[in-house]
Amino acid sequence: MTQAKHKYQAYTAATQTVAKTKQIVMLYDGVIRFVQQGKDA
C-alpha cells in the first residue's frame, strides 16, 4: 500500500472520529503555522 493511501486513510478516519469543532481548531492551528512560517520566509 502506498504512503499516499495511508495518509488518505488516516485523514478519513480523523474526519469520522474527531469532533468537528476540534477539526476547525486544528485547521486554524495549521493556518496560523503557515502564516508564521510565511512571515519568517
Full PDB file with SEQRES, HELIX, SHEET, SSBOND, CRYST1, ORIGX, SCALE, CONECT and MASTER records, all heavy atoms in Angstrom:
SEQRES   1 A   41  MET THR GLN ALA LYS HIS LYS TYR GLN ALA TYR THR ALA          
SEQRES   2 A   41  ALA THR GLN THR VAL ALA LYS THR LYS GLN ILE VAL MET          
SEQRES   3 A   41  LEU TYR ASP GLY VAL ILE ARG PHE VAL GLN GLN GLY LYS          
SEQRES   4 A   41  ASP ALA                                                      
HELIX    1 AA1 GLN A    3  THR A   17  1                                  15    
HELIX    2 AA2 LYS A   20  ASP A   40  1                                  21    
CRYST1    1.000    1.000    1.000  90.00  90.00  90.00 P 1           1          
ORIGX1      1.000000  0.000000  0.000000        0.00000                         
ORIGX2      0.000000  1.000000  0.000000        0.00000                         
ORIGX3      0.000000  0.000000  1.000000        0.00000                         
SCALE1      1.000000  0.000000  0.000000        0.00000                         
SCALE2      0.000000  1.000000  0.000000        0.00000                         
SCALE3      0.000000  0.000000  1.000000        0.00000                         
ATOM      1  N   MET A   1       0.846  -1.172   0.000  1.00  0.00           N  
ATOM      2  CA  MET A   1       0.000   0.000   0.000  1.00  0.00           C  
ATOM      3  C   MET A   1       0.895   1.240   0.000  1.00  0.00           C  
ATOM      4  O   MET A   1       1.863   1.316   0.724  1.00  0.00           O  
ATOM      5  CB  MET A   1      -0.904  -0.014   1.235  1.00  0.00           C  
ATOM      6  CG  MET A   1      -2.045   0.939   1.146  1.00  0.00           C  
ATOM      7  SD  MET A   1      -3.182   0.856   2.561  1.00  0.00           S  
ATOM      8  CE  MET A   1      -3.874  -0.761   2.366  1.00  0.00           C  
ATOM      9  N   THR A   2       0.550   2.209  -0.812  1.00  0.00           N  
ATOM     10  CA  THR A   2       1.390   3.386  -0.920  1.00  0.00           C  
ATOM     11  C   THR A   2       1.240   4.296   0.288  1.00  0.00           C  
ATOM     12  O   THR A   2       0.246   4.244   1.005  1.00  0.00           O  
ATOM     13  CB  THR A   2       1.035   4.186  -2.187  1.00  0.00           C  
ATOM     14  OG1 THR A   2      -0.287   4.695  -2.032  1.00  0.00           O  
ATOM     15  CG2 THR A   2       1.128   3.334  -3.441  1.00  0.00           C  
ATOM     16  N   GLN A   3       2.248   5.146   0.444  1.00  0.00           N  
ATOM     17  CA  GLN A   3       2.232   6.090   1.566  1.00  0.00           C  
ATOM     18  C   GLN A   3       1.070   7.072   1.418  1.00  0.00           C  
ATOM     19  O   GLN A   3       0.436   7.433   2.400  1.00  0.00           O  
ATOM     20  CB  GLN A   3       3.555   6.830   1.643  1.00  0.00           C  
ATOM     21  CG  GLN A   3       3.664   7.739   2.842  1.00  0.00           C  
ATOM     22  CD  GLN A   3       5.016   8.410   2.928  1.00  0.00           C  
ATOM     23  OE1 GLN A   3       5.822   8.343   2.025  1.00  0.00           O  
ATOM     24  NE2 GLN A   3       5.254   9.071   4.037  1.00  0.00           N  
ATOM     25  N   ALA A   4       0.776   7.479   0.190  1.00  0.00           N  
ATOM     26  CA  ALA A   4      -0.331   8.415  -0.042  1.00  0.00           C  
ATOM     27  C   ALA A   4      -1.655   7.792   0.382  1.00  0.00           C  
ATOM     28  O   ALA A   4      -2.516   8.475   0.953  1.00  0.00           O  
ATOM     29  CB  ALA A   4      -0.384   8.822  -1.507  1.00  0.00           C  
ATOM     30  N   LYS A   5      -1.827   6.505   0.143  1.00  0.00           N  
ATOM     31  CA  LYS A   5      -3.060   5.833   0.521  1.00  0.00           C  
ATOM     32  C   LYS A   5      -3.196   5.773   2.043  1.00  0.00           C  
ATOM     33  O   LYS A   5      -4.287   5.948   2.587  1.00  0.00           O  
ATOM     34  CB  LYS A   5      -3.126   4.433  -0.075  1.00  0.00           C  
ATOM     35  CG  LYS A   5      -4.474   3.785   0.053  1.00  0.00           C  
ATOM     36  CD  LYS A   5      -4.583   2.508  -0.759  1.00  0.00           C  
ATOM     37  CE  LYS A   5      -5.967   1.933  -0.647  1.00  0.00           C  
ATOM     38  NZ  LYS A   5      -6.127   0.752  -1.460  1.00  0.00           N  
ATOM     39  N   HIS A   6      -2.079   5.556   2.744  1.00  0.00           N  
ATOM     40  CA  HIS A   6      -2.093   5.556   4.214  1.00  0.00           C  
ATOM     41  C   HIS A   6      -2.512   6.919   4.750  1.00  0.00           C  
ATOM     42  O   HIS A   6      -3.282   7.008   5.694  1.00  0.00           O  
ATOM     43  CB  HIS A   6      -0.719   5.185   4.784  1.00  0.00           C  
ATOM     44  CG  HIS A   6      -0.387   3.734   4.681  1.00  0.00           C  
ATOM     45  ND1 HIS A   6      -1.087   2.762   5.352  1.00  0.00           N  
ATOM     46  CD2 HIS A   6       0.575   3.095   3.972  1.00  0.00           C  
ATOM     47  CE1 HIS A   6      -0.569   1.577   5.081  1.00  0.00           C  
ATOM     48  NE2 HIS A   6       0.438   1.749   4.238  1.00  0.00           N  
ATOM     49  N   LYS A   7      -1.975   7.997   4.138  1.00  0.00           N  
ATOM     50  CA  LYS A   7      -2.328   9.339   4.579  1.00  0.00           C  
ATOM     51  C   LYS A   7      -3.818   9.592   4.360  1.00  0.00           C  
ATOM     52  O   LYS A   7      -4.483  10.178   5.207  1.00  0.00           O  
ATOM     53  CB  LYS A   7      -1.502  10.384   3.828  1.00  0.00           C  
ATOM     54  CG  LYS A   7      -0.055  10.413   4.236  1.00  0.00           C  
ATOM     55  CD  LYS A   7       0.704  11.450   3.437  1.00  0.00           C  
ATOM     56  CE  LYS A   7       2.175  11.428   3.791  1.00  0.00           C  
ATOM     57  NZ  LYS A   7       2.944  12.373   2.966  1.00  0.00           N  
ATOM     58  N   TYR A   8      -4.329   9.156   3.221  1.00  0.00           N  
ATOM     59  CA  TYR A   8      -5.747   9.348   2.932  1.00  0.00           C  
ATOM     60  C   TYR A   8      -6.603   8.594   3.942  1.00  0.00           C  
ATOM     61  O   TYR A   8      -7.590   9.115   4.441  1.00  0.00           O  
ATOM     62  CB  TYR A   8      -6.072   8.887   1.512  1.00  0.00           C  
ATOM     63  CG  TYR A   8      -7.539   8.980   1.189  1.00  0.00           C  
ATOM     64  CD1 TYR A   8      -8.126  10.223   0.935  1.00  0.00           C  
ATOM     65  CD2 TYR A   8      -8.346   7.855   1.180  1.00  0.00           C  
ATOM     66  CE1 TYR A   8      -9.470  10.331   0.657  1.00  0.00           C  
ATOM     67  CE2 TYR A   8      -9.696   7.952   0.911  1.00  0.00           C  
ATOM     68  CZ  TYR A   8     -10.254   9.189   0.639  1.00  0.00           C  
ATOM     69  OH  TYR A   8     -11.596   9.284   0.380  1.00  0.00           O  
ATOM     70  N   GLN A   9      -6.218   7.360   4.268  1.00  0.00           N  
ATOM     71  CA  GLN A   9      -6.974   6.572   5.237  1.00  0.00           C  
ATOM     72  C   GLN A   9      -6.933   7.220   6.615  1.00  0.00           C  
ATOM     73  O   GLN A   9      -7.937   7.247   7.323  1.00  0.00           O  
ATOM     74  CB  GLN A   9      -6.437   5.144   5.302  1.00  0.00           C  
ATOM     75  CG  GLN A   9      -6.786   4.320   4.084  1.00  0.00           C  
ATOM     76  CD  GLN A   9      -6.130   2.955   4.101  1.00  0.00           C  
ATOM     77  OE1 GLN A   9      -5.131   2.740   4.770  1.00  0.00           O  
ATOM     78  NE2 GLN A   9      -6.713   2.026   3.354  1.00  0.00           N  
ATOM     79  N   ALA A  10      -5.780   7.761   6.997  1.00  0.00           N  
ATOM     80  CA  ALA A  10      -5.669   8.435   8.293  1.00  0.00           C  
ATOM     81  C   ALA A  10      -6.549   9.675   8.314  1.00  0.00           C  
ATOM     82  O   ALA A  10      -7.234   9.957   9.304  1.00  0.00           O  
ATOM     83  CB  ALA A  10      -4.218   8.818   8.569  1.00  0.00           C  
ATOM     84  N   TYR A  11      -6.567  10.424   7.219  1.00  0.00           N  
ATOM     85  CA  TYR A  11      -7.404  11.619   7.132  1.00  0.00           C  
ATOM     86  C   TYR A  11      -8.876  11.240   7.221  1.00  0.00           C  
ATOM     87  O   TYR A  11      -9.651  11.859   7.954  1.00  0.00           O  
ATOM     88  CB  TYR A  11      -7.133  12.374   5.822  1.00  0.00           C  
ATOM     89  CG  TYR A  11      -8.045  13.544   5.616  1.00  0.00           C  
ATOM     90  CD1 TYR A  11      -7.840  14.735   6.302  1.00  0.00           C  
ATOM     91  CD2 TYR A  11      -9.132  13.463   4.756  1.00  0.00           C  
ATOM     92  CE1 TYR A  11      -8.685  15.815   6.134  1.00  0.00           C  
ATOM     93  CE2 TYR A  11      -9.978  14.542   4.579  1.00  0.00           C  
ATOM     94  CZ  TYR A  11      -9.742  15.712   5.266  1.00  0.00           C  
ATOM     95  OH  TYR A  11     -10.591  16.767   5.090  1.00  0.00           O  
ATOM     96  N   THR A  12      -9.270  10.204   6.502  1.00  0.00           N  
ATOM     97  CA  THR A  12     -10.664   9.757   6.518  1.00  0.00           C  
ATOM     98  C   THR A  12     -11.073   9.335   7.922  1.00  0.00           C  
ATOM     99  O   THR A  12     -12.141   9.694   8.400  1.00  0.00           O  
ATOM    100  CB  THR A  12     -10.861   8.591   5.533  1.00  0.00           C  
ATOM    101  OG1 THR A  12     -10.501   9.050   4.221  1.00  0.00           O  
ATOM    102  CG2 THR A  12     -12.295   8.117   5.509  1.00  0.00           C  
ATOM    103  N   ALA A  13     -10.203   8.586   8.594  1.00  0.00           N  
ATOM    104  CA  ALA A  13     -10.512   8.152   9.960  1.00  0.00           C  
ATOM    105  C   ALA A  13     -10.634   9.354  10.892  1.00  0.00           C  
ATOM    106  O   ALA A  13     -11.530   9.406  11.730  1.00  0.00           O  
ATOM    107  CB  ALA A  13      -9.432   7.194  10.466  1.00  0.00           C  
ATOM    108  N   ALA A  14      -9.761  10.334  10.728  1.00  0.00           N  
ATOM    109  CA  ALA A  14      -9.798  11.515  11.600  1.00  0.00           C  
ATOM    110  C   ALA A  14     -11.085  12.303  11.406  1.00  0.00           C  
ATOM    111  O   ALA A  14     -11.671  12.789  12.366  1.00  0.00           O  
ATOM    112  CB  ALA A  14      -8.589  12.406  11.340  1.00  0.00           C  
ATOM    113  N   THR A  15     -11.544  12.429  10.159  1.00  0.00           N  
ATOM    114  CA  THR A  15     -12.766  13.203   9.921  1.00  0.00           C  
ATOM    115  C   THR A  15     -13.988  12.514  10.504  1.00  0.00           C  
ATOM    116  O   THR A  15     -14.992  13.156  10.766  1.00  0.00           O  
ATOM    117  CB  THR A  15     -13.010  13.468   8.423  1.00  0.00           C  
ATOM    118  OG1 THR A  15     -13.142  12.223   7.737  1.00  0.00           O  
ATOM    119  CG2 THR A  15     -11.897  14.295   7.820  1.00  0.00           C  
ATOM    120  N   GLN A  16     -13.885  11.204  10.730  1.00  0.00           N  
ATOM    121  CA  GLN A  16     -15.012  10.469  11.287  1.00  0.00           C  
ATOM    122  C   GLN A  16     -14.938  10.343  12.809  1.00  0.00           C  
ATOM    123  O   GLN A  16     -15.942  10.062  13.447  1.00  0.00           O  
ATOM    124  CB  GLN A  16     -15.098   9.083  10.649  1.00  0.00           C  
ATOM    125  CG  GLN A  16     -15.419   9.154   9.169  1.00  0.00           C  
ATOM    126  CD  GLN A  16     -15.350   7.809   8.486  1.00  0.00           C  
ATOM    127  OE1 GLN A  16     -15.088   6.793   9.107  1.00  0.00           O  
ATOM    128  NE2 GLN A  16     -15.578   7.796   7.186  1.00  0.00           N  
ATOM    129  N   THR A  17     -13.761  10.539  13.382  1.00  0.00           N  
ATOM    130  CA  THR A  17     -13.612  10.322  14.822  1.00  0.00           C  
ATOM    131  C   THR A  17     -13.320  11.583  15.621  1.00  0.00           C  
ATOM    132  O   THR A  17     -13.517  11.589  16.821  1.00  0.00           O  
ATOM    133  CB  THR A  17     -12.487   9.298  15.102  1.00  0.00           C  
ATOM    134  OG1 THR A  17     -11.263   9.794  14.550  1.00  0.00           O  
ATOM    135  CG2 THR A  17     -12.809   7.944  14.509  1.00  0.00           C  
ATOM    136  N   VAL A  18     -12.857  12.632  14.972  1.00  0.00           N  
ATOM    137  CA  VAL A  18     -12.529  13.875  15.669  1.00  0.00           C  
ATOM    138  C   VAL A  18     -13.720  14.817  15.564  1.00  0.00           C  
ATOM    139  O   VAL A  18     -14.289  14.994  14.485  1.00  0.00           O  
ATOM    140  CB  VAL A  18     -11.263  14.528  15.056  1.00  0.00           C  
ATOM    141  CG1 VAL A  18     -10.954  15.859  15.719  1.00  0.00           C  
ATOM    142  CG2 VAL A  18     -10.073  13.583  15.175  1.00  0.00           C  
ATOM    143  N   ALA A  19     -14.095  15.419  16.675  1.00  0.00           N  
ATOM    144  CA  ALA A  19     -15.220  16.352  16.693  1.00  0.00           C  
ATOM    145  C   ALA A  19     -14.995  17.463  15.668  1.00  0.00           C  
ATOM    146  O   ALA A  19     -13.878  17.917  15.468  1.00  0.00           O  
ATOM    147  CB  ALA A  19     -15.375  16.954  18.080  1.00  0.00           C  
ATOM    148  N   LYS A  20     -16.078  17.891  15.031  1.00  0.00           N  
ATOM    149  CA  LYS A  20     -15.970  18.932  14.005  1.00  0.00           C  
ATOM    150  C   LYS A  20     -15.367  20.214  14.558  1.00  0.00           C  
ATOM    151  O   LYS A  20     -14.564  20.868  13.889  1.00  0.00           O  
ATOM    152  CB  LYS A  20     -17.324  19.196  13.370  1.00  0.00           C  
ATOM    153  CG  LYS A  20     -17.826  18.018  12.544  1.00  0.00           C  
ATOM    154  CD  LYS A  20     -18.948  18.423  11.628  1.00  0.00           C  
ATOM    155  CE  LYS A  20     -19.501  17.243  10.869  1.00  0.00           C  
ATOM    156  NZ  LYS A  20     -18.546  16.528  10.056  1.00  0.00           N  
ATOM    157  N   THR A  21     -15.729  20.575  15.767  1.00  0.00           N  
ATOM    158  CA  THR A  21     -15.159  21.787  16.349  1.00  0.00           C  
ATOM    159  C   THR A  21     -13.657  21.632  16.575  1.00  0.00           C  
ATOM    160  O   THR A  21     -12.901  22.576  16.396  1.00  0.00           O  
ATOM    161  CB  THR A  21     -15.867  22.158  17.662  1.00  0.00           C  
ATOM    162  OG1 THR A  21     -15.921  21.009  18.510  1.00  0.00           O  
ATOM    163  CG2 THR A  21     -17.280  22.671  17.395  1.00  0.00           C  
ATOM    164  N   LYS A  22     -13.227  20.437  16.937  1.00  0.00           N  
ATOM    165  CA  LYS A  22     -11.792  20.164  17.112  1.00  0.00           C  
ATOM    166  C   LYS A  22     -11.084  20.229  15.758  1.00  0.00           C  
ATOM    167  O   LYS A  22      -9.964  20.734  15.660  1.00  0.00           O  
ATOM    168  CB  LYS A  22     -11.589  18.790  17.768  1.00  0.00           C  
ATOM    169  CG  LYS A  22     -10.143  18.413  17.962  1.00  0.00           C  
ATOM    170  CD  LYS A  22      -9.458  19.319  18.954  1.00  0.00           C  
ATOM    171  CE  LYS A  22      -8.060  18.825  19.238  1.00  0.00           C  
ATOM    172  NZ  LYS A  22      -7.300  19.788  20.019  1.00  0.00           N  
ATOM    173  N   GLN A  23     -11.740  19.738  14.703  1.00  0.00           N  
ATOM    174  CA  GLN A  23     -11.165  19.813  13.365  1.00  0.00           C  
ATOM    175  C   GLN A  23     -10.943  21.270  12.961  1.00  0.00           C  
ATOM    176  O   GLN A  23      -9.903  21.610  12.384  1.00  0.00           O  
ATOM    177  CB  GLN A  23     -12.076  19.130  12.345  1.00  0.00           C  
ATOM    178  CG  GLN A  23     -12.149  17.628  12.492  1.00  0.00           C  
ATOM    179  CD  GLN A  23     -13.146  17.011  11.520  1.00  0.00           C  
ATOM    180  OE1 GLN A  23     -13.355  17.512  10.427  1.00  0.00           O  
ATOM    181  NE2 GLN A  23     -13.774  15.918  11.932  1.00  0.00           N  
ATOM    182  N   ILE A  24     -11.892  22.130  13.290  1.00  0.00           N  
ATOM    183  CA  ILE A  24     -11.770  23.545  12.951  1.00  0.00           C  
ATOM    184  C   ILE A  24     -10.593  24.160  13.706  1.00  0.00           C  
ATOM    185  O   ILE A  24      -9.800  24.913  13.129  1.00  0.00           O  
ATOM    186  CB  ILE A  24     -13.083  24.296  13.232  1.00  0.00           C  
ATOM    187  CG1 ILE A  24     -14.178  23.797  12.281  1.00  0.00           C  
ATOM    188  CG2 ILE A  24     -12.899  25.804  13.075  1.00  0.00           C  
ATOM    189  CD1 ILE A  24     -15.572  24.257  12.640  1.00  0.00           C  
ATOM    190  N   VAL A  25     -10.455  23.824  14.975  1.00  0.00           N  
ATOM    191  CA  VAL A  25      -9.324  24.322  15.767  1.00  0.00           C  
ATOM    192  C   VAL A  25      -8.010  23.876  15.126  1.00  0.00           C  
ATOM    193  O   VAL A  25      -7.065  24.668  14.993  1.00  0.00           O  
ATOM    194  CB  VAL A  25      -9.418  23.845  17.239  1.00  0.00           C  
ATOM    195  CG1 VAL A  25      -8.140  24.161  18.005  1.00  0.00           C  
ATOM    196  CG2 VAL A  25     -10.626  24.463  17.929  1.00  0.00           C  
ATOM    197  N   MET A  26      -7.958  22.638  14.704  1.00  0.00           N  
ATOM    198  CA  MET A  26      -6.749  22.114  14.074  1.00  0.00           C  
ATOM    199  C   MET A  26      -6.453  22.835  12.754  1.00  0.00           C  
ATOM    200  O   MET A  26      -5.281  23.117  12.440  1.00  0.00           O  
ATOM    201  CB  MET A  26      -6.891  20.608  13.857  1.00  0.00           C  
ATOM    202  CG  MET A  26      -6.926  19.822  15.165  1.00  0.00           C  
ATOM    203  SD  MET A  26      -7.462  18.100  14.980  1.00  0.00           S  
ATOM    204  CE  MET A  26      -6.101  17.406  14.074  1.00  0.00           C  
ATOM    205  N   LEU A  27      -7.499  23.141  11.997  1.00  0.00           N  
ATOM    206  CA  LEU A  27      -7.302  23.888  10.755  1.00  0.00           C  
ATOM    207  C   LEU A  27      -6.766  25.290  11.041  1.00  0.00           C  
ATOM    208  O   LEU A  27      -5.865  25.772  10.350  1.00  0.00           O  
ATOM    209  CB  LEU A  27      -8.603  23.948   9.951  1.00  0.00           C  
ATOM    210  CG  LEU A  27      -9.020  22.628   9.306  1.00  0.00           C  
ATOM    211  CD1 LEU A  27     -10.446  22.711   8.778  1.00  0.00           C  
ATOM    212  CD2 LEU A  27      -8.053  22.248   8.191  1.00  0.00           C  
ATOM    213  N   TYR A  28      -7.318  25.947  12.055  1.00  0.00           N  
ATOM    214  CA  TYR A  28      -6.802  27.256  12.443  1.00  0.00           C  
ATOM    215  C   TYR A  28      -5.333  27.155  12.855  1.00  0.00           C  
ATOM    216  O   TYR A  28      -4.523  28.022  12.500  1.00  0.00           O  
ATOM    217  CB  TYR A  28      -7.622  27.871  13.583  1.00  0.00           C  
ATOM    218  CG  TYR A  28      -8.808  28.652  13.100  1.00  0.00           C  
ATOM    219  CD1 TYR A  28     -10.071  28.090  13.044  1.00  0.00           C  
ATOM    220  CD2 TYR A  28      -8.672  29.982  12.711  1.00  0.00           C  
ATOM    221  CE1 TYR A  28     -11.165  28.816  12.606  1.00  0.00           C  
ATOM    222  CE2 TYR A  28      -9.761  30.717  12.264  1.00  0.00           C  
ATOM    223  CZ  TYR A  28     -11.006  30.130  12.218  1.00  0.00           C  
ATOM    224  OH  TYR A  28     -12.077  30.849  11.773  1.00  0.00           O  
ATOM    225  N   ASP A  29      -4.991  26.122  13.609  1.00  0.00           N  
ATOM    226  CA  ASP A  29      -3.589  25.928  14.002  1.00  0.00           C  
ATOM    227  C   ASP A  29      -2.697  25.827  12.765  1.00  0.00           C  
ATOM    228  O   ASP A  29      -1.603  26.406  12.728  1.00  0.00           O  
ATOM    229  CB  ASP A  29      -3.430  24.674  14.865  1.00  0.00           C  
ATOM    230  CG  ASP A  29      -3.992  24.834  16.265  1.00  0.00           C  
ATOM    231  OD1 ASP A  29      -4.194  25.981  16.722  1.00  0.00           O  
ATOM    232  OD2 ASP A  29      -4.249  23.791  16.916  1.00  0.00           O  
ATOM    233  N   GLY A  30      -3.170  25.118  11.760  1.00  0.00           N  
ATOM    234  CA  GLY A  30      -2.404  24.988  10.515  1.00  0.00           C  
ATOM    235  C   GLY A  30      -2.247  26.314   9.797  1.00  0.00           C  
ATOM    236  O   GLY A  30      -1.145  26.660   9.341  1.00  0.00           O  
ATOM    237  N   VAL A  31      -3.323  27.078   9.698  1.00  0.00           N  
ATOM    238  CA  VAL A  31      -3.253  28.381   9.031  1.00  0.00           C  
ATOM    239  C   VAL A  31      -2.279  29.296   9.773  1.00  0.00           C  
ATOM    240  O   VAL A  31      -1.436  29.957   9.152  1.00  0.00           O  
ATOM    241  CB  VAL A  31      -4.651  29.051   8.941  1.00  0.00           C  
ATOM    242  CG1 VAL A  31      -4.535  30.458   8.394  1.00  0.00           C  
ATOM    243  CG2 VAL A  31      -5.590  28.238   8.098  1.00  0.00           C  
ATOM    244  N   ILE A  32      -2.402  29.333  11.084  1.00  0.00           N  
ATOM    245  CA  ILE A  32      -1.510  30.183  11.892  1.00  0.00           C  
ATOM    246  C   ILE A  32      -0.059  29.770  11.665  1.00  0.00           C  
ATOM    247  O   ILE A  32       0.822  30.617  11.474  1.00  0.00           O  
ATOM    248  CB  ILE A  32      -1.894  30.103  13.382  1.00  0.00           C  
ATOM    249  CG1 ILE A  32      -3.261  30.767  13.597  1.00  0.00           C  
ATOM    250  CG2 ILE A  32      -0.815  30.729  14.267  1.00  0.00           C  
ATOM    251  CD1 ILE A  32      -3.914  30.451  14.941  1.00  0.00           C  
ATOM    252  N   ARG A  33       0.190  28.469  11.666  1.00  0.00           N  
ATOM    253  CA  ARG A  33       1.557  27.969  11.453  1.00  0.00           C  
ATOM    254  C   ARG A  33       2.078  28.383  10.074  1.00  0.00           C  
ATOM    255  O   ARG A  33       3.207  28.879   9.946  1.00  0.00           O  
ATOM    256  CB  ARG A  33       1.595  26.444  11.605  1.00  0.00           C  
ATOM    257  CG  ARG A  33       2.993  25.850  11.509  1.00  0.00           C  
ATOM    258  CD  ARG A  33       3.022  24.343  11.717  1.00  0.00           C  
ATOM    259  NE  ARG A  33       2.276  23.646  10.666  1.00  0.00           N  
ATOM    260  CZ  ARG A  33       1.091  23.047  10.840  1.00  0.00           C  
ATOM    261  NH1 ARG A  33       0.516  23.034  12.023  1.00  0.00           N  
ATOM    262  NH2 ARG A  33       0.479  22.444   9.844  1.00  0.00           N  
ATOM    263  N   PHE A  34       1.251  28.238   9.023  1.00  0.00           N  
ATOM    264  CA  PHE A  34       1.688  28.597   7.674  1.00  0.00           C  
ATOM    265  C   PHE A  34       1.941  30.100   7.543  1.00  0.00           C  
ATOM    266  O   PHE A  34       2.911  30.515   6.906  1.00  0.00           O  
ATOM    267  CB  PHE A  34       0.680  28.142   6.620  1.00  0.00           C  
ATOM    268  CG  PHE A  34       0.668  26.658   6.389  1.00  0.00           C  
ATOM    269  CD1 PHE A  34      -0.540  25.978   6.272  1.00  0.00           C  
ATOM    270  CD2 PHE A  34       1.842  25.921   6.279  1.00  0.00           C  
ATOM    271  CE1 PHE A  34      -0.570  24.608   6.056  1.00  0.00           C  
ATOM    272  CE2 PHE A  34       1.827  24.547   6.059  1.00  0.00           C  
ATOM    273  CZ  PHE A  34       0.616  23.891   5.948  1.00  0.00           C  
ATOM    274  N   VAL A  35       1.081  30.919   8.141  1.00  0.00           N  
ATOM    275  CA  VAL A  35       1.300  32.371   8.061  1.00  0.00           C  
ATOM    276  C   VAL A  35       2.561  32.754   8.835  1.00  0.00           C  
ATOM    277  O   VAL A  35       3.352  33.587   8.372  1.00  0.00           O  
ATOM    278  CB  VAL A  35       0.062  33.163   8.550  1.00  0.00           C  
ATOM    279  CG1 VAL A  35       0.355  34.659   8.581  1.00  0.00           C  
ATOM    280  CG2 VAL A  35      -1.146  32.889   7.665  1.00  0.00           C  
ATOM    281  N   GLN A  36       2.790  32.136  10.001  1.00  0.00           N  
ATOM    282  CA  GLN A  36       4.009  32.414  10.763  1.00  0.00           C  
ATOM    283  C   GLN A  36       5.243  32.005   9.964  1.00  0.00           C  
ATOM    284  O   GLN A  36       6.233  32.745   9.904  1.00  0.00           O  
ATOM    285  CB  GLN A  36       3.988  31.690  12.115  1.00  0.00           C  
ATOM    286  CG  GLN A  36       5.218  31.940  12.970  1.00  0.00           C  
ATOM    287  CD  GLN A  36       5.419  33.410  13.323  1.00  0.00           C  
ATOM    288  OE1 GLN A  36       4.523  34.043  13.856  1.00  0.00           O  
ATOM    289  NE2 GLN A  36       6.588  33.957  13.008  1.00  0.00           N  
ATOM    290  N   GLN A  37       5.187  30.842   9.347  1.00  0.00           N  
ATOM    291  CA  GLN A  37       6.313  30.394   8.528  1.00  0.00           C  
ATOM    292  C   GLN A  37       6.484  31.306   7.306  1.00  0.00           C  
ATOM    293  O   GLN A  37       7.606  31.578   6.880  1.00  0.00           O  
ATOM    294  CB  GLN A  37       6.112  28.943   8.092  1.00  0.00           C  
ATOM    295  CG  GLN A  37       6.246  27.954   9.222  1.00  0.00           C  
ATOM    296  CD  GLN A  37       5.847  26.528   8.828  1.00  0.00           C  
ATOM    297  OE1 GLN A  37       5.273  26.287   7.765  1.00  0.00           O  
ATOM    298  NE2 GLN A  37       6.148  25.582   9.699  1.00  0.00           N  
ATOM    299  N   GLY A  38       5.360  31.783   6.751  1.00  0.00           N  
ATOM    300  CA  GLY A  38       5.417  32.734   5.646  1.00  0.00           C  
ATOM    301  C   GLY A  38       6.080  34.032   6.087  1.00  0.00           C  
ATOM    302  O   GLY A  38       6.874  34.622   5.344  1.00  0.00           O  
ATOM    303  N   LYS A  39       5.752  34.480   7.285  1.00  0.00           N  
ATOM    304  CA  LYS A  39       6.378  35.685   7.844  1.00  0.00           C  
ATOM    305  C   LYS A  39       7.895  35.484   7.970  1.00  0.00           C  
ATOM    306  O   LYS A  39       8.685  36.360   7.607  1.00  0.00           O  
ATOM    307  CB  LYS A  39       5.774  36.011   9.209  1.00  0.00           C  
ATOM    308  CG  LYS A  39       6.401  37.204   9.879  1.00  0.00           C  
ATOM    309  CD  LYS A  39       5.844  37.410  11.280  1.00  0.00           C  
ATOM    310  CE  LYS A  39       6.658  38.495  11.989  1.00  0.00           C  
ATOM    311  NZ  LYS A  39       6.336  38.592  13.388  1.00  0.00           N  
ATOM    312  N   ASP A  40       8.280  34.313   8.468  1.00  0.00           N  
ATOM    313  CA  ASP A  40       9.716  34.010   8.587  1.00  0.00           C  
ATOM    314  C   ASP A  40      10.389  34.000   7.212  1.00  0.00           C  
ATOM    315  O   ASP A  40      11.516  34.479   7.065  1.00  0.00           O  
ATOM    316  CB  ASP A  40       9.922  32.662   9.284  1.00  0.00           C  
ATOM    317  CG  ASP A  40       9.426  32.656  10.730  1.00  0.00           C  
ATOM    318  OD1 ASP A  40       9.221  33.747  11.310  1.00  0.00           O  
ATOM    319  OD2 ASP A  40       9.218  31.542  11.266  1.00  0.00           O  
ATOM    320  N   ALA A  41       9.680  33.473   6.214  1.00  0.00           N  
ATOM    321  CA  ALA A  41      10.222  33.443   4.852  1.00  0.00           C  
ATOM    322  C   ALA A  41      10.355  34.858   4.288  1.00  0.00           C  
ATOM    323  O   ALA A  41      11.329  35.168   3.587  1.00  0.00           O  
ATOM    324  CB  ALA A  41       9.330  32.585   3.951  1.00  0.00           C  
TER     325      ALA A  41                                                      
MASTER        0    0    0    2    0    0    0    6  324    1    0    4          
END                                                                             
